Protein backbone atom coordinates (compact mmCIF):
# COMPACT_ATOMS: atom_id res chain seq x y z
CA UNK A 1 0.00 0.00 0.00
CA UNK A 2 1.31 3.39 -0.95
CA UNK A 3 1.06 5.94 1.84
CA UNK A 4 0.12 9.51 1.30
CA UNK A 5 2.32 12.19 2.82
CA UNK A 6 -0.27 12.83 5.51
CA UNK A 7 -0.53 9.13 6.37
CA UNK A 8 3.28 8.82 6.67
CA UNK A 9 3.44 11.90 8.86
CA UNK A 10 0.66 10.49 11.07
CA UNK A 11 2.50 7.18 11.50
CA UNK A 12 5.69 8.99 12.51
CA UNK A 13 3.73 11.00 15.03
CA UNK A 14 2.07 7.84 16.35
CA UNK A 15 5.48 6.21 16.80
CA UNK A 16 6.82 9.22 18.72
CA UNK A 17 3.78 9.36 20.98
CA UNK A 18 4.11 5.64 21.67
CA UNK A 19 7.73 6.16 22.71
CA UNK A 20 6.73 9.03 24.98
CA UNK A 21 4.31 6.73 26.85
CA UNK A 22 7.01 4.01 26.76
CA UNK A 23 4.98 1.67 24.52
CA UNK A 24 7.66 0.14 22.34
CA UNK A 25 5.35 -2.34 20.63
CA UNK A 26 2.98 0.37 19.44
CA UNK A 27 5.92 2.39 18.21
CA UNK A 28 7.26 -0.53 16.17
CA UNK A 29 3.78 -1.26 14.80
CA UNK A 30 3.61 2.25 13.41
CA UNK A 31 7.19 2.19 12.13
CA UNK A 32 6.72 -1.13 10.36
CA UNK A 33 4.17 0.53 8.08
CA UNK A 34 6.67 3.15 6.97
CA UNK A 35 8.98 2.30 4.05
CA UNK A 36 11.58 4.79 5.34
CA UNK A 37 11.10 4.54 9.10
CA UNK A 38 13.70 6.56 11.08
CA UNK A 39 16.31 4.11 12.33
CA UNK A 40 16.88 6.15 15.50
CA UNK A 41 13.22 5.85 16.45
CA UNK A 42 13.23 2.13 15.59
CA UNK A 43 16.30 1.60 17.75
CA UNK A 44 14.67 3.38 20.68
CA UNK A 45 11.57 1.22 20.36
CA UNK A 46 13.58 -2.04 20.30
CA UNK A 47 15.64 -0.97 23.30
CA UNK A 48 12.51 0.04 25.20
CA UNK A 49 11.32 -3.55 24.77
CA UNK A 50 14.66 -4.91 25.97
CA UNK A 51 15.59 -6.06 22.47
CA UNK A 52 19.27 -5.07 22.55
CA UNK A 53 20.16 -6.90 19.33
CA UNK A 54 17.32 -5.26 17.37
CA UNK A 55 18.13 -1.84 18.76
CA UNK A 56 21.81 -2.11 17.97
CA UNK A 57 21.09 -3.37 14.46
CA UNK A 58 18.95 -0.27 13.80
CA UNK A 59 21.70 2.00 15.15
CA UNK A 60 24.27 0.25 12.95
CA UNK A 61 22.14 1.04 9.91
CA UNK A 62 21.84 4.67 11.02
CA UNK A 63 25.58 5.07 11.56
CA UNK A 64 26.34 3.42 8.23
CA UNK A 65 24.39 6.25 6.59
CA UNK A 66 25.37 9.00 9.07
CA UNK A 67 28.68 8.11 10.80
CA UNK A 68 28.67 11.26 12.96
CA UNK A 69 25.05 11.14 14.10
CA UNK A 70 25.46 12.16 17.75
CA UNK A 71 22.39 10.41 19.11
CA UNK A 72 23.31 7.28 17.19
CA UNK A 73 26.84 7.32 18.63
CA UNK A 74 25.50 7.77 22.16
CA UNK A 75 23.03 4.89 21.82
CA UNK A 76 25.68 2.67 20.22
CA UNK A 77 27.94 3.40 23.19
CA UNK A 78 25.12 2.47 25.56
CA UNK A 79 24.56 -0.80 23.68
CA UNK A 80 28.25 -1.71 23.87
CA UNK A 81 28.39 -0.84 27.57
CA UNK A 82 25.39 -3.09 28.29
CA UNK A 83 27.30 -5.94 26.64
CA UNK A 84 30.41 -5.24 28.78
CA UNK A 85 32.41 -4.01 25.80
CA UNK A 86 33.87 -1.04 27.68
CA UNK A 87 36.53 -0.31 25.10
CA UNK A 88 34.02 0.04 22.26
CA UNK A 89 31.62 2.00 24.47
CA UNK A 90 34.41 4.45 25.29
CA UNK A 91 35.23 4.89 21.60
CA UNK A 92 31.61 5.65 20.64
CA UNK A 93 31.06 7.99 23.60
CA UNK A 94 34.23 9.94 22.73
CA UNK A 95 33.15 10.14 19.09
CA UNK A 96 29.79 11.57 20.22
CA UNK A 97 31.52 14.25 22.31
CA UNK A 98 33.84 15.09 19.43
CA UNK A 99 30.93 15.46 17.00
CA UNK A 100 28.99 17.58 19.49
CA UNK A 101 31.97 19.90 19.98
CA UNK A 102 31.69 20.88 16.31
CA UNK A 103 28.07 22.00 16.57
CA UNK A 104 27.35 25.75 16.62
CA UNK A 105 24.65 25.19 19.25
CA UNK A 106 23.07 22.33 21.20
CA UNK A 107 19.55 21.65 22.45
CA UNK A 108 18.90 21.20 26.19
CA UNK A 109 18.10 17.51 25.62
CA UNK A 110 21.45 17.00 23.89
CA UNK A 111 23.33 18.87 26.63
CA UNK A 112 21.75 16.58 29.23
CA UNK A 113 22.67 13.49 27.20
CA UNK A 114 26.26 14.68 26.75
CA UNK A 115 26.58 15.29 30.48
CA UNK A 116 25.51 11.70 31.06
CA UNK A 117 28.05 10.53 28.47
CA UNK A 118 30.85 12.36 30.29
CA UNK A 119 29.83 10.68 33.53
CA UNK A 120 29.80 7.28 31.85
CA UNK A 121 33.24 7.89 30.39
CA UNK A 122 34.61 8.84 33.81
CA UNK A 123 33.09 5.71 35.31
CA UNK A 124 34.51 3.50 32.55
CA UNK A 125 37.94 5.12 32.94
CA UNK A 126 37.93 4.54 36.70
CA UNK A 127 36.93 0.90 36.25
CA UNK A 128 39.65 0.43 33.62
CA UNK A 129 42.28 1.96 35.91
CA UNK A 130 41.18 -0.09 38.93
CA UNK A 131 41.23 -3.31 36.91
CA UNK A 132 44.62 -2.53 35.37
CA UNK A 133 46.20 -1.68 38.72
CA UNK A 134 44.75 -4.86 40.19
CA UNK A 135 46.25 -6.87 37.32
CA UNK A 136 49.64 -5.26 37.92
CA UNK A 137 49.40 -6.08 41.62
CA UNK A 138 48.56 -9.72 40.78
CA UNK A 139 51.67 -9.82 38.61
CA UNK A 140 53.76 -8.55 41.52
CA UNK A 141 54.14 -5.00 40.19
CA UNK A 142 52.86 -2.82 43.01
CA UNK A 143 53.12 0.92 43.55
CA UNK A 144 56.59 0.57 45.05
CA UNK A 145 57.77 -2.06 42.56
CA UNK A 146 57.18 -0.08 39.38
CA UNK A 147 59.81 2.29 37.99
CA UNK A 148 59.03 6.02 37.87
CA UNK A 149 58.63 5.71 34.09
CA UNK A 150 56.03 2.95 34.41
CA UNK A 151 54.20 4.99 37.05
CA UNK A 152 54.16 8.04 34.79
CA UNK A 153 53.12 6.00 31.75
CA UNK A 154 50.22 4.58 33.73
CA UNK A 155 49.16 8.06 34.84
CA UNK A 156 49.29 9.26 31.22
CA UNK A 157 47.34 6.23 30.00
CA UNK A 158 44.61 6.82 32.58
CA UNK A 159 44.41 10.56 31.99
CA UNK A 160 45.91 11.64 35.30
CA UNK A 161 48.79 13.42 33.58
CA UNK A 162 49.29 15.23 30.29
CA UNK A 163 52.14 14.61 27.87
CA UNK A 164 54.65 17.44 27.45
CA UNK A 165 57.47 17.65 24.93
CA UNK A 166 60.47 19.90 24.36
CA UNK A 167 59.40 23.11 22.65
CA UNK A 168 62.40 25.46 22.68
CA UNK A 169 61.68 28.92 21.35
CA UNK A 170 64.71 29.33 19.09
CA UNK A 171 66.86 26.20 18.64
CA UNK A 172 65.93 22.51 18.58
CA UNK A 173 68.55 19.75 18.78
CA UNK A 174 66.84 16.52 17.63
CA UNK A 175 66.87 13.08 19.20
CA UNK A 176 67.07 13.97 22.89
CA UNK A 177 65.04 12.09 25.49
CA UNK A 178 62.01 13.88 26.87
CA UNK A 179 62.99 14.09 30.54
CA UNK A 180 61.39 16.75 32.72
CA UNK A 181 63.42 16.50 35.94
CA UNK A 182 66.82 14.82 36.05
CA UNK A 183 67.70 13.03 39.27
CA UNK A 184 70.58 14.36 41.35
CA UNK A 185 72.29 10.98 41.46
CA UNK A 186 72.96 11.18 37.71
CA UNK A 187 75.64 13.86 38.22
CA UNK A 188 78.91 13.21 40.03
CA UNK A 189 79.48 16.90 40.83
CA UNK A 190 76.18 17.49 42.63
CA UNK A 191 77.31 16.33 46.08
CA UNK A 192 80.27 18.72 46.07
CA UNK A 193 78.08 21.62 44.96
CA UNK A 194 75.49 20.88 47.64
CA UNK A 195 78.22 20.66 50.30
CA UNK A 196 78.97 24.33 49.64
CA UNK A 197 75.40 25.49 50.25
CA UNK A 198 76.15 27.20 53.57
CA UNK A 199 79.03 29.22 52.12
CA UNK A 200 76.98 30.21 49.06
CA UNK A 201 74.02 31.19 51.21
CA UNK A 202 76.32 33.30 53.39
CA UNK A 203 77.39 35.29 50.34
CA UNK A 204 73.76 35.65 49.25
CA UNK A 205 72.78 36.98 52.68
CA UNK A 206 75.56 39.56 52.45
CA UNK A 207 74.20 40.67 49.08
CA UNK A 208 70.66 40.90 50.46
CA UNK A 209 71.92 43.00 53.39
CA UNK A 210 73.34 45.68 51.10
CA UNK A 211 71.59 49.00 50.76
CA UNK A 212 69.76 49.72 47.53
CA UNK A 213 68.27 47.45 44.89
CA UNK A 214 70.88 44.76 44.23
CA UNK A 215 68.49 42.58 42.19
CA UNK A 216 67.27 43.49 38.71
CA UNK A 217 63.96 42.24 37.22
CA UNK A 218 64.65 38.83 35.67
CA UNK A 219 62.69 39.74 32.52
CA UNK A 220 63.83 42.99 30.92
CA UNK A 221 63.31 44.49 27.48
CA UNK A 222 66.21 44.93 25.10
CA UNK A 223 66.12 48.45 23.60
CA UNK A 224 67.68 47.07 20.38
CA UNK A 225 64.78 44.64 19.90
CA UNK A 226 60.97 44.92 19.70
CA UNK A 227 59.31 45.23 23.11
CA UNK A 228 58.59 41.88 24.74
CA UNK A 229 54.93 40.95 25.01
CA UNK A 230 55.37 39.51 28.47
CA UNK A 231 53.48 40.52 31.59
CA UNK A 232 56.60 39.87 33.68
CA UNK A 233 58.76 42.47 31.90
CA UNK A 234 60.23 44.78 34.52
CA UNK A 235 58.48 42.98 37.39
CA UNK A 236 60.86 43.11 40.39
CA UNK A 237 59.03 40.27 42.14
CA UNK A 238 61.11 37.93 39.97
CA UNK A 239 64.61 39.26 40.47
CA UNK A 240 68.11 38.40 39.26
CA UNK A 241 71.57 39.04 40.67
CA UNK A 242 73.94 37.93 37.91
CA UNK A 243 77.30 36.33 38.58
CA UNK A 244 77.85 35.34 34.94
CA UNK A 245 75.90 37.01 32.14
CA UNK A 246 76.23 36.60 28.36
CA UNK A 247 79.40 34.56 28.82
CA UNK A 248 81.22 37.06 31.03
CA UNK A 249 81.55 37.32 34.81
CA UNK A 250 79.87 40.35 36.39
CA UNK A 251 83.04 41.68 37.98
CA UNK A 252 81.64 43.51 41.02
CA UNK A 253 79.34 40.60 41.87
CA UNK A 254 82.04 37.97 41.35
CA UNK A 255 84.26 39.80 43.87
CA UNK A 256 81.47 39.70 46.45
CA UNK A 257 80.74 35.99 45.89
CA UNK A 258 84.05 34.09 45.55
CA UNK A 259 82.73 30.87 47.12
CA UNK A 260 79.82 30.83 44.68
CA UNK A 261 82.07 31.45 41.70
CA UNK A 262 84.37 28.64 42.84
CA UNK A 263 81.41 26.26 43.23
CA UNK A 264 80.52 26.79 39.57
CA UNK A 265 83.90 25.61 38.29
CA UNK A 266 83.17 21.86 38.28
CA UNK A 267 79.70 21.51 36.68
CA UNK A 268 79.76 21.11 32.86
CA UNK A 269 78.80 24.72 32.18
CA UNK A 270 78.78 25.70 28.47
CA UNK A 271 81.42 28.23 27.49
CA UNK A 272 80.02 30.09 24.49
CA UNK A 273 81.12 33.63 23.68
CA UNK A 274 78.28 36.11 24.01
CA UNK A 275 75.97 33.53 25.56
CA UNK A 276 77.35 31.27 28.32
CA UNK A 277 78.16 30.79 31.17
CA UNK A 278 74.95 32.02 32.73
CA UNK A 279 74.67 32.03 36.54
CA UNK A 280 72.66 34.13 38.96
CA UNK A 281 70.80 34.28 42.23
CA UNK A 282 67.15 34.03 41.20
CA UNK A 283 64.68 35.63 43.62
CA UNK A 284 60.95 35.00 43.81
CA UNK A 285 58.99 37.36 46.06
CA UNK A 286 56.03 36.20 48.19
CA UNK A 287 52.87 35.56 46.17
CA UNK A 288 54.70 35.56 42.81
CA UNK A 289 53.63 33.17 40.05
CA UNK A 290 55.84 32.68 37.01
CA UNK A 291 53.39 31.76 34.26
CA UNK A 292 53.91 28.74 31.97
CA UNK A 293 56.68 29.23 29.43
CA UNK A 294 59.55 27.44 27.67
CA UNK A 295 63.24 28.28 27.29
CA UNK A 296 65.11 29.09 24.10
CA UNK A 297 67.23 25.92 23.71
CA UNK A 298 67.00 22.21 24.43
CA UNK A 299 70.78 21.72 24.45
CA UNK A 300 71.09 22.68 28.10
CA UNK A 301 69.62 21.85 31.48
CA UNK A 302 68.83 24.39 34.18
CA UNK A 303 70.14 23.75 37.68
CA UNK A 304 68.71 25.27 40.86
CA UNK A 305 70.55 25.09 44.17
CA UNK A 306 67.92 26.26 46.68
CA UNK A 307 69.38 28.68 49.22
CA UNK A 308 66.23 30.17 50.80
CA UNK A 309 63.27 27.87 50.21
CA UNK A 310 60.28 28.39 52.51
CA UNK A 311 57.39 25.90 52.38
CA UNK A 312 54.87 26.63 49.66
CA UNK A 313 57.40 27.23 46.88
CA UNK A 314 57.05 24.81 43.95
CA UNK A 315 58.21 24.28 40.38
CA UNK A 316 56.18 22.47 37.71
CA UNK A 317 58.00 21.06 34.70
CA UNK A 318 55.70 19.30 32.25
CA UNK A 319 53.39 17.07 34.26
CA UNK A 320 55.44 16.93 37.47
CA UNK A 321 55.65 19.43 40.32
CA UNK A 322 58.44 19.48 42.90
CA UNK A 323 59.20 21.68 45.88
CA UNK A 324 62.53 23.41 46.44
CA UNK A 325 64.43 21.98 49.41
CA UNK A 326 67.34 24.01 50.74
CA UNK A 327 70.66 22.46 49.76
CA UNK A 328 69.17 19.84 47.38
CA UNK A 329 69.62 20.67 43.72
CA UNK A 330 66.84 20.53 41.13
CA UNK A 331 67.89 19.89 37.52
CA UNK A 332 65.33 20.24 34.73
CA UNK A 333 64.82 20.75 31.01
CA UNK A 334 63.51 24.29 30.59
CA UNK A 335 62.57 23.66 26.93
CA UNK A 336 59.58 21.77 28.38
CA UNK A 337 56.74 23.99 29.58
CA UNK A 338 57.29 25.01 33.20
CA UNK A 339 55.99 27.44 35.80
CA UNK A 340 56.75 28.36 39.41
CA UNK A 341 54.99 29.62 42.52
CA UNK A 342 55.94 31.25 45.80
CA UNK A 343 52.83 30.74 47.93
CA UNK A 344 54.67 31.63 51.13
CA UNK A 345 55.08 34.96 52.93
CA UNK A 346 58.87 34.87 52.52
CA UNK A 347 61.29 35.39 49.64
CA UNK A 348 62.64 32.33 47.81
CA UNK A 349 66.17 32.43 46.32
CA UNK A 350 68.05 29.79 44.31
CA UNK A 351 71.43 29.74 42.63
CA UNK A 352 70.52 29.22 38.98
CA UNK A 353 72.97 28.10 36.28
CA UNK A 354 72.96 26.07 33.08
CA UNK A 355 74.86 22.92 32.07
CA UNK A 356 75.25 20.92 28.88
CA UNK A 357 72.73 18.14 28.31
CA UNK A 358 74.57 14.94 29.29
CA UNK A 359 73.36 13.16 26.13
CA UNK A 360 75.27 15.55 23.86
CA UNK A 361 78.82 14.36 23.13
CA UNK A 362 81.94 16.48 23.00
CA UNK A 363 82.03 16.71 19.21
CA UNK A 364 78.49 18.03 19.00
CA UNK A 365 79.10 20.39 21.91
CA UNK A 366 81.99 21.87 19.93
CA UNK A 367 79.81 22.22 16.83
CA UNK A 368 76.99 23.79 18.82
CA UNK A 369 79.43 26.23 20.39
CA UNK A 370 80.52 27.43 16.94
CA UNK A 371 76.90 27.70 15.80
CA UNK A 372 75.72 29.61 18.88
CA UNK A 373 78.69 31.98 18.82
CA UNK A 374 77.99 32.80 15.18
CA UNK A 375 74.30 33.32 15.92
CA UNK A 376 75.09 35.60 18.86
CA UNK A 377 77.54 37.68 16.79
CA UNK A 378 75.44 37.77 13.61
CA UNK A 379 74.39 41.34 12.79
CA UNK A 380 74.15 41.45 8.99
């Protein structure tokens, strides 16, 4: 029998009304008379009757024709979840959220459904993590037995941490490992440096006791270059007292800090005309936050020897945050996004200097030195 347009419209309306009163059989009876019955409505009717196979078959037909149909993706995810296929359910729920994010606007019903999807995803993720950790424990790999890399990989897999990579602003040396914080034990000169903390701090305290402003803002504009678009330009709350700057010792400061200058002789500090060594006392005033940023190179590491480190002062590099501890060095890759806080009511000061990346051999260090010296001197 050929249906008129009015008859087809009436059957569609009958099916919708049947769904609203939760009468799946009546809805299917109306839909079966339509040659082009909406698959979404058919799926809802089957599922209302507890016919999971029929409902999923209708959704499969819908998604074959419209792969990014949001309601179809949500219902498909629900079907997979009911059959304990958490991995597939997660994939369809994420696809629904991705498709919804591209819409210019969303109806209240869709917003409610998407909120439920986000809750389901969180629940599935928690179950996955719990099951995986239990499996690791059964295999004898507990929290204390796993390496830091396994622990971090698990946190990344389960969404507890983000992935950060080297993003230097001006020069990228390829092939280096992506390591946020280096451990102190990797460097044979660290113990000697740390043993001199008291002497270095004594020189710092003498500097701090001087009259006048001995520290300059860490971020300053260069009058020979365009003005920096940086909110920290000229901010004295992040201060610097340079011992070495642009490859040269700051004579008057070096005289005042002989123990500090001597302590910097053993670490593998780059010697690059116009650029390195770089060493300073870095001051962070109470309440100061250094916003996320990256350094200019990935050929170096930054070392901090904390000299005044009140509680509440922390440094985030990538997805890991550590506190400064007086006399215990922190070594990190500043080409990875990092930021710092002083949440205390006291000033924090570290001795800051740079060293060569340990993975870069002597031949490449020599080549990089030539390159950087040319770049620094280039004025044509």
